[in-house]
């Protein structure tokens, strides 16, 4: 998904002047800790928090309705030339508040095409086109050394260029790393979708020390991989970043069945799929079983139209997950029960205009519960926060 700025840094006392991702302080049980460096906002950073979970404490709406144009405020967007969807490179840099470079690491031959996640102990999680890296900010340098808690692990990917021929936007993983497990006794994992030639897998890596009695699982590329499971609904890597809450992970199929003939032609895929071509369909939720070190499928919604590659978001206040969909060429949003997948409410957008396109955006609920969405043509605020 498109890159977004992250700041890193550690707790107030130790690293008050550095910027790379933002974390710290206390948290609700099982949820990412609240970072005092972030603005007090419903959406201060990409994917809602530095753990990149796409979970929010905002109590979203739960009563569906057919929306009208009177329910929406829009700010038009201006596109010029060809848009850049990915910032591709192979480096991580740390700068201070004056934007003075403090340190950097380079990954020769690897593409870094996603955002980063950061934990409360200065661990920085970067996925490249071939490798999952944990870097550590020591207070004075970026470290890749095991003694500082850093590590690297390969994961499965297609040969160079093959994923893009199938309509993917990424060379390897298309997902920003998302952290899973925050309670004292929970498994501490970081999860991605890989780019296996046999179809994408959901892959979990141990964030910290690998349990002494853990044995490398059959079919995985390293002992650092805690578990992986075929996603089955997506032939290429998942491009919409994963949603994590508790021990659950939601994945969105992003493989276009009939991609545009030119590799990387994302605009044609975004506007033709679901209209003149079949769209990528299906969402699955998986559950991590800590006692068994494995994922199992929890529920699925096979008919969801994922043309827009839109990550869902879960409200930890009401237990609903909010999902973008398109039905009969009409864009809509729906709310489903996080535990069961049962649909609880649907908001059908006003008409079949492409103005309601949400491609590549993030599901954001403002403090009052209103829905804020992006897309190719406009930023839209849907006045549905009162529908609780």
Protein backbone atom coordinates (compact mmCIF):
# COMPACT_ATOMS: atom_id res chain seq x y z
CA UNK A 1 0.00 0.00 0.00
CA UNK A 2 1.11 3.63 -0.37
CA UNK A 3 3.85 4.70 2.00
CA UNK A 4 3.13 7.07 4.86
CA UNK A 5 5.42 8.89 7.26
CA UNK A 6 6.27 7.17 10.52
CA UNK A 7 8.28 8.48 13.43
CA UNK A 8 10.37 6.26 15.54
CA UNK A 9 11.33 6.78 18.82
CA UNK A 10 11.42 5.58 22.11
CA UNK A 11 10.15 6.67 25.46
CA UNK A 12 10.27 10.29 26.57
CA UNK A 13 13.27 9.94 28.80
CA UNK A 14 15.63 8.12 26.53
CA UNK A 15 15.04 9.44 23.04
CA UNK A 16 13.04 12.60 23.23
CA UNK A 17 14.46 14.18 20.10
CA UNK A 18 14.29 11.42 17.51
CA UNK A 19 11.66 10.76 14.92
CA UNK A 20 10.91 7.45 13.15
CA UNK A 21 7.77 5.90 14.53
CA UNK A 22 5.86 6.68 17.65
CA UNK A 23 5.08 4.63 20.70
CA UNK A 24 5.06 4.57 24.49
CA UNK A 25 3.01 4.66 27.69
CA UNK A 26 0.20 2.46 28.98
CA UNK A 27 -2.44 0.62 26.98
CA UNK A 28 -5.68 -1.20 27.45
CA UNK A 29 -5.20 -4.93 27.95
CA UNK A 30 -4.29 -6.62 24.70
CA UNK A 31 -4.15 -3.35 22.72
CA UNK A 32 -1.16 -1.35 21.45
CA UNK A 33 0.22 1.13 23.94
CA UNK A 34 -0.78 4.77 23.53
CA UNK A 35 2.03 6.96 22.27
CA UNK A 36 2.28 10.36 23.95
CA UNK A 37 4.20 11.80 20.99
CA UNK A 38 1.23 11.37 18.67
CA UNK A 39 -1.50 13.96 18.34
CA UNK A 40 -4.65 13.33 20.34
CA UNK A 41 -6.66 12.22 17.34
CA UNK A 42 -8.79 9.37 16.07
CA UNK A 43 -6.24 8.87 13.31
CA UNK A 44 -2.81 10.35 14.12
CA UNK A 45 -0.72 7.98 12.01
CA UNK A 46 -1.15 5.52 9.14
CA UNK A 47 -3.14 2.39 10.06
CA UNK A 48 -4.25 4.15 13.29
CA UNK A 49 -1.21 3.41 15.50
CA UNK A 50 2.50 2.57 15.39
CA UNK A 51 1.67 -1.15 15.61
CA UNK A 52 -0.15 -0.74 12.26
CA UNK A 53 -3.16 -2.76 13.46
CA UNK A 54 -6.00 -0.79 11.81
CA UNK A 55 -7.88 -1.01 15.11
CA UNK A 56 -9.45 2.05 16.72
CA UNK A 57 -11.16 2.76 20.06
CA UNK A 58 -13.71 5.00 18.28
CA UNK A 59 -17.25 3.71 18.66
CA UNK A 60 -18.37 3.56 15.04
CA UNK A 61 -21.93 3.55 13.70
CA UNK A 62 -24.05 0.41 13.79
CA UNK A 63 -27.32 1.41 12.10
CA UNK A 64 -27.33 1.12 8.31
CA UNK A 65 -29.06 3.40 5.80
CA UNK A 66 -29.08 4.38 2.13
CA UNK A 67 -26.91 7.51 1.98
CA UNK A 68 -27.74 10.64 0.00
CA UNK A 69 -25.45 13.38 -1.26
CA UNK A 70 -26.68 15.47 1.69
CA UNK A 71 -24.95 12.96 4.00
CA UNK A 72 -21.53 13.60 2.42
CA UNK A 73 -19.03 16.45 2.39
CA UNK A 74 -16.27 16.18 -0.23
CA UNK A 75 -12.92 17.81 -0.96
CA UNK A 76 -11.83 17.22 -4.54
CA UNK A 77 -8.35 15.90 -5.29
CA UNK A 78 -6.21 17.02 -8.21
CA UNK A 79 -4.17 14.39 -10.03
CA UNK A 80 -1.29 15.50 -12.22
CA UNK A 81 0.81 13.23 -14.43
CA UNK A 82 1.16 9.61 -13.34
CA UNK A 83 0.65 9.14 -9.60
CA UNK A 84 3.32 7.40 -7.56
CA UNK A 85 1.75 4.52 -5.67
CA UNK A 86 4.91 3.17 -4.10
CA UNK A 87 8.03 4.78 -2.69
CA UNK A 88 10.51 2.10 -3.63
CA UNK A 89 13.94 1.88 -2.08
CA UNK A 90 16.04 -0.22 0.20
CA UNK A 91 16.95 1.97 3.15
CA UNK A 92 15.73 3.04 6.59
CA UNK A 93 16.82 6.40 7.95
CA UNK A 94 16.54 8.03 11.37
CA UNK A 95 16.35 11.81 11.59
CA UNK A 96 15.96 14.12 14.55
CA UNK A 97 13.32 16.81 14.90
CA UNK A 98 15.43 19.19 12.86
CA UNK A 99 15.52 16.55 10.12
CA UNK A 100 19.23 15.96 10.67
CA UNK A 101 20.26 12.44 9.72
CA UNK A 102 21.24 10.35 12.75
CA UNK A 103 21.75 6.94 11.17
CA UNK A 104 20.64 4.76 8.28
CA UNK A 105 20.75 1.17 7.05
CA UNK A 106 20.73 0.03 3.42
CA UNK A 107 19.35 -3.27 2.08
CA UNK A 108 21.13 -3.82 -1.25
CA UNK A 109 19.06 -5.62 -3.86
CA UNK A 110 15.86 -5.36 -1.80
CA UNK A 111 12.80 -3.14 -2.33
CA UNK A 112 11.09 -1.52 0.65
CA UNK A 113 7.56 -0.80 -0.57
CA UNK A 114 5.46 -0.50 2.58
CA UNK A 115 5.27 1.42 5.83
CA UNK A 116 6.89 0.25 9.06
CA UNK A 117 5.64 -0.90 12.45
CA UNK A 118 7.33 -0.07 15.74
CA UNK A 119 7.04 -1.67 19.16
CA UNK A 120 7.41 -0.17 22.64
CA UNK A 121 11.01 -1.40 22.95
CA UNK A 122 12.34 0.48 19.89
CA UNK A 123 11.94 -2.49 17.56
CA UNK A 124 11.34 -1.35 13.98
CA UNK A 125 9.69 -3.86 11.61
CA UNK A 126 10.52 -3.45 7.93
CA UNK A 127 9.46 -5.87 5.21
CA UNK A 128 11.38 -5.78 1.95
CA UNK A 129 10.79 -7.65 -1.28
CA UNK A 130 12.48 -10.77 0.12
CA UNK A 131 13.08 -10.41 3.84
CA UNK A 132 11.31 -9.50 7.08
CA UNK A 133 13.67 -7.35 9.19
CA UNK A 134 13.52 -6.27 12.80
CA UNK A 135 15.84 -3.32 13.41
CA UNK A 136 16.47 -1.81 16.82
CA UNK A 137 17.15 1.80 17.72
CA UNK A 138 19.68 1.64 20.57
CA UNK A 139 19.50 5.33 21.46
CA UNK A 140 22.48 6.17 19.30
CA UNK A 141 22.29 3.95 16.22
CA UNK A 142 20.13 1.64 14.12
CA UNK A 143 21.18 -1.92 14.80
CA UNK A 144 20.83 -5.16 12.85
CA UNK A 145 22.77 -7.06 15.50
CA UNK A 146 21.28 -10.04 17.34
CA UNK A 147 22.72 -8.86 20.66
CA UNK A 148 20.47 -5.80 20.42
CA UNK A 149 17.40 -7.90 19.62
CA UNK A 150 17.46 -7.42 15.85
CA UNK A 151 16.88 -10.21 13.32
CA UNK A 152 16.14 -10.94 9.68
CA UNK A 153 14.17 -13.79 8.11
CA UNK A 154 13.42 -14.69 4.49
CA UNK A 155 9.88 -15.39 3.39
CA UNK A 156 8.47 -16.90 0.19
CA UNK A 157 8.30 -14.69 -2.91
CA UNK A 158 7.78 -15.09 -6.64
CA UNK A 159 10.63 -14.62 -9.11
CA UNK A 160 11.37 -10.99 -9.96
CA UNK A 161 8.54 -9.41 -11.98
CA UNK A 162 6.08 -12.31 -11.81
CA UNK A 163 3.78 -10.77 -9.18
CA UNK A 164 3.48 -7.53 -11.14
CA UNK A 165 2.45 -9.43 -14.27
CA UNK A 166 -0.47 -10.74 -12.23
CA UNK A 167 -1.54 -7.22 -11.22
CA UNK A 168 0.30 -6.86 -7.90
CA UNK A 169 1.84 -3.52 -6.94
CA UNK A 170 4.68 -5.10 -4.96
CA UNK A 171 7.70 -7.23 -5.75
CA UNK A 172 7.31 -9.21 -2.52
CA UNK A 173 4.98 -8.62 0.44
CA UNK A 174 2.35 -5.97 -0.25
CA UNK A 175 1.35 -5.54 3.38
CA UNK A 176 2.79 -3.22 5.97
CA UNK A 177 3.95 -5.37 8.91
CA UNK A 178 1.25 -5.47 11.61
CA UNK A 179 1.91 -6.37 15.23
CA UNK A 180 -0.17 -8.99 17.00
CA UNK A 181 -0.12 -9.67 20.75
CA UNK A 182 0.31 -6.96 23.37
CA UNK A 183 -0.79 -8.49 26.69
CA UNK A 184 1.70 -9.77 29.21
CA UNK A 185 1.03 -13.42 28.44
CA UNK A 186 0.23 -13.14 24.73
CA UNK A 187 2.47 -14.34 21.93
CA UNK A 188 4.31 -11.33 20.49
CA UNK A 189 4.12 -11.64 16.70
CA UNK A 190 4.49 -9.54 13.57
CA UNK A 191 2.37 -10.63 10.58
CA UNK A 192 2.55 -10.12 6.81
CA UNK A 193 1.29 -11.70 3.62
CA UNK A 194 4.08 -13.36 1.66
CA UNK A 195 4.34 -13.65 -2.13
CA UNK A 196 4.55 -17.40 -2.54
CA UNK A 197 4.35 -18.71 -6.13
CA UNK A 198 1.77 -21.22 -4.85
CA UNK A 199 -0.55 -18.47 -3.57
CA UNK A 200 -0.18 -16.01 -0.72
CA UNK A 201 0.34 -17.20 2.86
CA UNK A 202 -0.40 -15.40 6.10
CA UNK A 203 2.97 -15.47 7.91
CA UNK A 204 3.68 -14.72 11.58
CA UNK A 205 7.19 -14.10 12.92
CA UNK A 206 8.27 -14.14 16.58
CA UNK A 207 8.96 -10.49 17.47
CA UNK A 208 11.33 -11.21 20.33
CA UNK A 209 13.24 -14.25 21.58
CA UNK A 210 12.08 -17.45 19.91
CA UNK A 211 10.68 -19.86 22.56
CA UNK A 212 13.37 -22.39 23.47
CA UNK A 213 11.13 -25.40 22.79
CA UNK A 214 9.84 -24.11 19.45
CA UNK A 215 10.77 -26.26 16.46
CA UNK A 216 10.86 -24.90 12.92
CA UNK A 217 7.62 -25.77 11.16
CA UNK A 218 7.57 -27.81 7.98
CA UNK A 219 7.44 -25.67 4.86
CA UNK A 220 8.72 -22.46 6.47
CA UNK A 221 11.98 -20.77 5.49
CA UNK A 222 13.29 -20.10 8.99
CA UNK A 223 12.76 -20.89 12.66
CA UNK A 224 11.87 -17.22 13.17
CA UNK A 225 8.52 -17.95 11.45
CA UNK A 226 6.06 -18.82 14.22
CA UNK A 227 3.46 -20.12 11.79
CA UNK A 228 1.99 -19.66 8.34
CA UNK A 229 -1.19 -20.70 6.58
CA UNK A 230 -2.34 -20.47 2.95
CA UNK A 231 -4.75 -17.58 2.48
CA UNK A 232 -6.25 -19.49 -0.48
CA UNK A 233 -8.31 -16.61 -1.85
CA UNK A 234 -5.35 -14.63 -3.28
CA UNK A 235 -2.83 -15.86 -5.86
CA UNK A 236 -0.50 -12.90 -5.31
CA UNK A 237 0.53 -11.08 -2.16
CA UNK A 238 -2.16 -9.17 -0.26
CA UNK A 239 -1.92 -5.44 -0.99
CA UNK A 240 -4.41 -4.16 1.59
CA UNK A 241 -2.58 -4.24 4.91
CA UNK A 242 -3.68 -6.77 7.49
CA UNK A 243 -6.06 -5.92 10.33
CA UNK A 244 -5.18 -7.30 13.77
CA UNK A 245 -7.09 -7.35 17.05
CA UNK A 246 -6.69 -9.81 19.92
CA UNK A 247 -5.42 -12.99 18.25
CA UNK A 248 -7.39 -12.32 15.05
CA UNK A 249 -6.12 -11.24 11.62
CA UNK A 250 -8.25 -10.17 8.64
CA UNK A 251 -6.90 -10.50 5.10
CA UNK A 252 -8.40 -9.02 1.91
CA UNK A 253 -8.00 -10.72 -1.47
CA UNK A 254 -6.25 -8.32 -3.85
CA UNK A 255 -5.53 -10.54 -6.87
CA UNK A 256 -7.28 -9.22 -9.99
CA UNK A 257 -8.60 -12.29 -11.88
CA UNK A 258 -8.13 -10.53 -15.23
CA UNK A 259 -5.48 -7.82 -14.70
CA UNK A 260 -4.71 -5.06 -17.17
CA UNK A 261 -2.27 -6.21 -19.88
CA UNK A 262 0.44 -3.74 -18.84
CA UNK A 263 2.16 -4.73 -15.54
CA UNK A 264 1.69 -2.07 -12.90
CA UNK A 265 -1.32 -0.46 -14.61
CA UNK A 266 -3.14 -0.02 -11.34
CA UNK A 267 -5.55 2.63 -12.60
CA UNK A 268 -7.01 0.32 -15.27
CA UNK A 269 -7.39 -2.43 -12.67
CA UNK A 270 -9.03 -0.06 -10.20
CA UNK A 271 -11.69 1.18 -12.64
CA UNK A 272 -12.35 -1.80 -14.90
CA UNK A 273 -12.55 -4.52 -12.25
CA UNK A 274 -16.06 -5.02 -11.07
CA UNK A 275 -17.35 -3.34 -14.24
CA UNK A 276 -15.85 -4.93 -17.38
CA UNK A 277 -13.63 -7.44 -15.54
CA UNK A 278 -14.16 -9.65 -12.53
CA UNK A 279 -12.96 -8.01 -9.30
CA UNK A 280 -10.83 -9.61 -6.60
CA UNK A 281 -13.32 -11.07 -4.15
CA UNK A 282 -13.24 -12.38 -0.60
CA UNK A 283 -12.18 -11.57 2.94
CA UNK A 284 -10.98 -14.07 5.51
CA UNK A 285 -10.37 -13.84 9.22
CA UNK A 286 -7.81 -16.11 10.83
CA UNK A 287 -7.24 -16.78 14.52
CA UNK A 288 -3.84 -17.47 16.09
CA UNK A 289 -3.87 -20.40 18.55
CA UNK A 290 -1.05 -19.71 21.04
CA UNK A 291 -1.10 -23.18 22.58
CA UNK A 292 -0.61 -24.78 19.17
CA UNK A 293 1.55 -22.18 17.37
CA UNK A 294 -0.71 -22.08 14.33
CA UNK A 295 -3.45 -20.16 12.53
CA UNK A 296 -6.96 -21.48 11.86
CA UNK A 297 -9.68 -19.91 9.76
CA UNK A 298 -12.32 -18.14 11.83
CA UNK A 299 -14.78 -16.96 9.15
CA UNK A 300 -14.91 -15.76 5.55
CA UNK A 301 -16.99 -13.45 3.34
CA UNK A 302 -16.41 -14.74 -0.20
CA UNK A 303 -18.53 -12.16 -2.07
CA UNK A 304 -16.85 -8.94 -0.90
CA UNK A 305 -15.62 -6.90 -3.91
CA UNK A 306 -12.07 -5.72 -3.16
CA UNK A 307 -11.44 -3.71 -6.33
CA UNK A 308 -10.37 -0.75 -4.16
CA UNK A 309 -7.72 -2.66 -2.11
CA UNK A 310 -9.19 -1.01 1.00
CA UNK A 311 -8.00 -2.25 4.43
CA UNK A 312 -10.92 -2.75 6.83
CA UNK A 313 -10.80 -1.30 10.35
CA UNK A 314 -12.09 -2.72 13.62
CA UNK A 315 -13.67 -0.72 16.44
CA UNK A 316 -12.53 -2.13 19.76
CA UNK A 317 -15.44 -0.28 21.41
CA UNK A 318 -18.29 -2.04 19.62
CA UNK A 319 -16.63 -5.19 18.23
CA UNK A 320 -17.48 -4.37 14.62
CA UNK A 321 -15.18 -4.46 11.60
CA UNK A 322 -15.90 -1.97 8.80
CA UNK A 323 -15.42 -3.19 5.24
CA UNK A 324 -15.51 -1.52 1.79
CA UNK A 325 -17.56 -3.28 -0.85
CA UNK A 326 -19.18 -2.70 -4.25
CA UNK A 327 -22.44 -4.31 -5.26
CA UNK A 328 -23.97 -3.92 -8.74
CA UNK A 329 -21.53 -1.07 -9.45
CA UNK A 330 -22.63 0.81 -6.30
CA UNK A 331 -20.01 1.47 -3.64
CA UNK A 332 -20.99 0.67 -0.07
CA UNK A 333 -19.60 0.12 3.40
CA UNK A 334 -20.71 -2.56 5.79
CA UNK A 335 -20.13 -3.43 9.43
CA UNK A 336 -19.66 -7.07 10.46
CA UNK A 337 -19.23 -8.74 13.82
CA UNK A 338 -15.50 -9.20 14.47
CA UNK A 339 -16.02 -12.60 16.11
CA UNK A 340 -18.52 -14.17 13.68
CA UNK A 341 -18.43 -12.19 10.42
CA UNK A 342 -22.20 -11.65 10.56
CA UNK A 343 -23.20 -8.44 8.74
CA UNK A 344 -24.80 -5.97 11.14
CA UNK A 345 -25.26 -2.82 9.01
CA UNK A 346 -24.81 -1.56 5.44
CA UNK A 347 -24.34 2.01 4.16
CA UNK A 348 -25.00 2.20 0.42
CA UNK A 349 -23.39 5.25 -1.17
CA UNK A 350 -25.63 7.73 -3.02
CA UNK A 351 -25.27 6.56 -6.65
CA UNK A 352 -22.96 4.78 -9.11
CA UNK A 353 -20.53 7.71 -9.48
CA UNK A 354 -16.80 6.95 -9.33
CA UNK A 355 -16.59 9.84 -6.87
CA UNK A 356 -17.24 7.22 -4.18
CA UNK A 357 -14.18 5.20 -5.25
CA UNK A 358 -11.98 4.41 -2.21
CA UNK A 359 -8.92 2.96 -3.95
CA UNK A 360 -5.89 2.43 -1.74
CA UNK A 361 -7.26 4.43 1.17
CA UNK A 362 -7.70 3.67 4.85
CA UNK A 363 -10.94 3.24 6.80
CA UNK A 364 -11.01 6.12 9.29
CA UNK A 365 -13.66 6.96 11.86
CA UNK A 366 -13.46 10.44 13.34
CA UNK A 367 -14.09 11.12 17.01
CA UNK A 368 -17.82 11.58 16.43
CA UNK A 369 -18.02 8.33 14.46
CA UNK A 370 -18.24 9.92 11.02
CA UNK A 371 -16.57 7.93 8.24
CA UNK A 372 -13.64 9.62 6.46
CA UNK A 373 -12.47 8.01 3.20
CA UNK A 374 -10.07 8.87 0.43
CA UNK A 375 -9.89 7.50 -3.11
CA UNK A 376 -8.84 8.77 -6.53
CA UNK A 377 -11.08 11.83 -6.82
CA UNK A 378 -12.05 13.18 -3.42
CA UNK A 379 -11.78 12.98 0.32
CA UNK A 380 -15.24 12.17 1.62
CA UNK A 381 -16.74 12.67 5.08
CA UNK A 382 -19.90 10.64 5.59
CA UNK A 383 -22.20 11.98 8.29
CA UNK A 384 -23.13 8.65 9.89
CA UNK A 385 -21.59 9.01 13.36
CA UNK A 386 -25.02 9.45 14.96
CA UNK A 387 -26.17 6.06 13.65
CA UNK A 388 -25.08 4.16 16.75
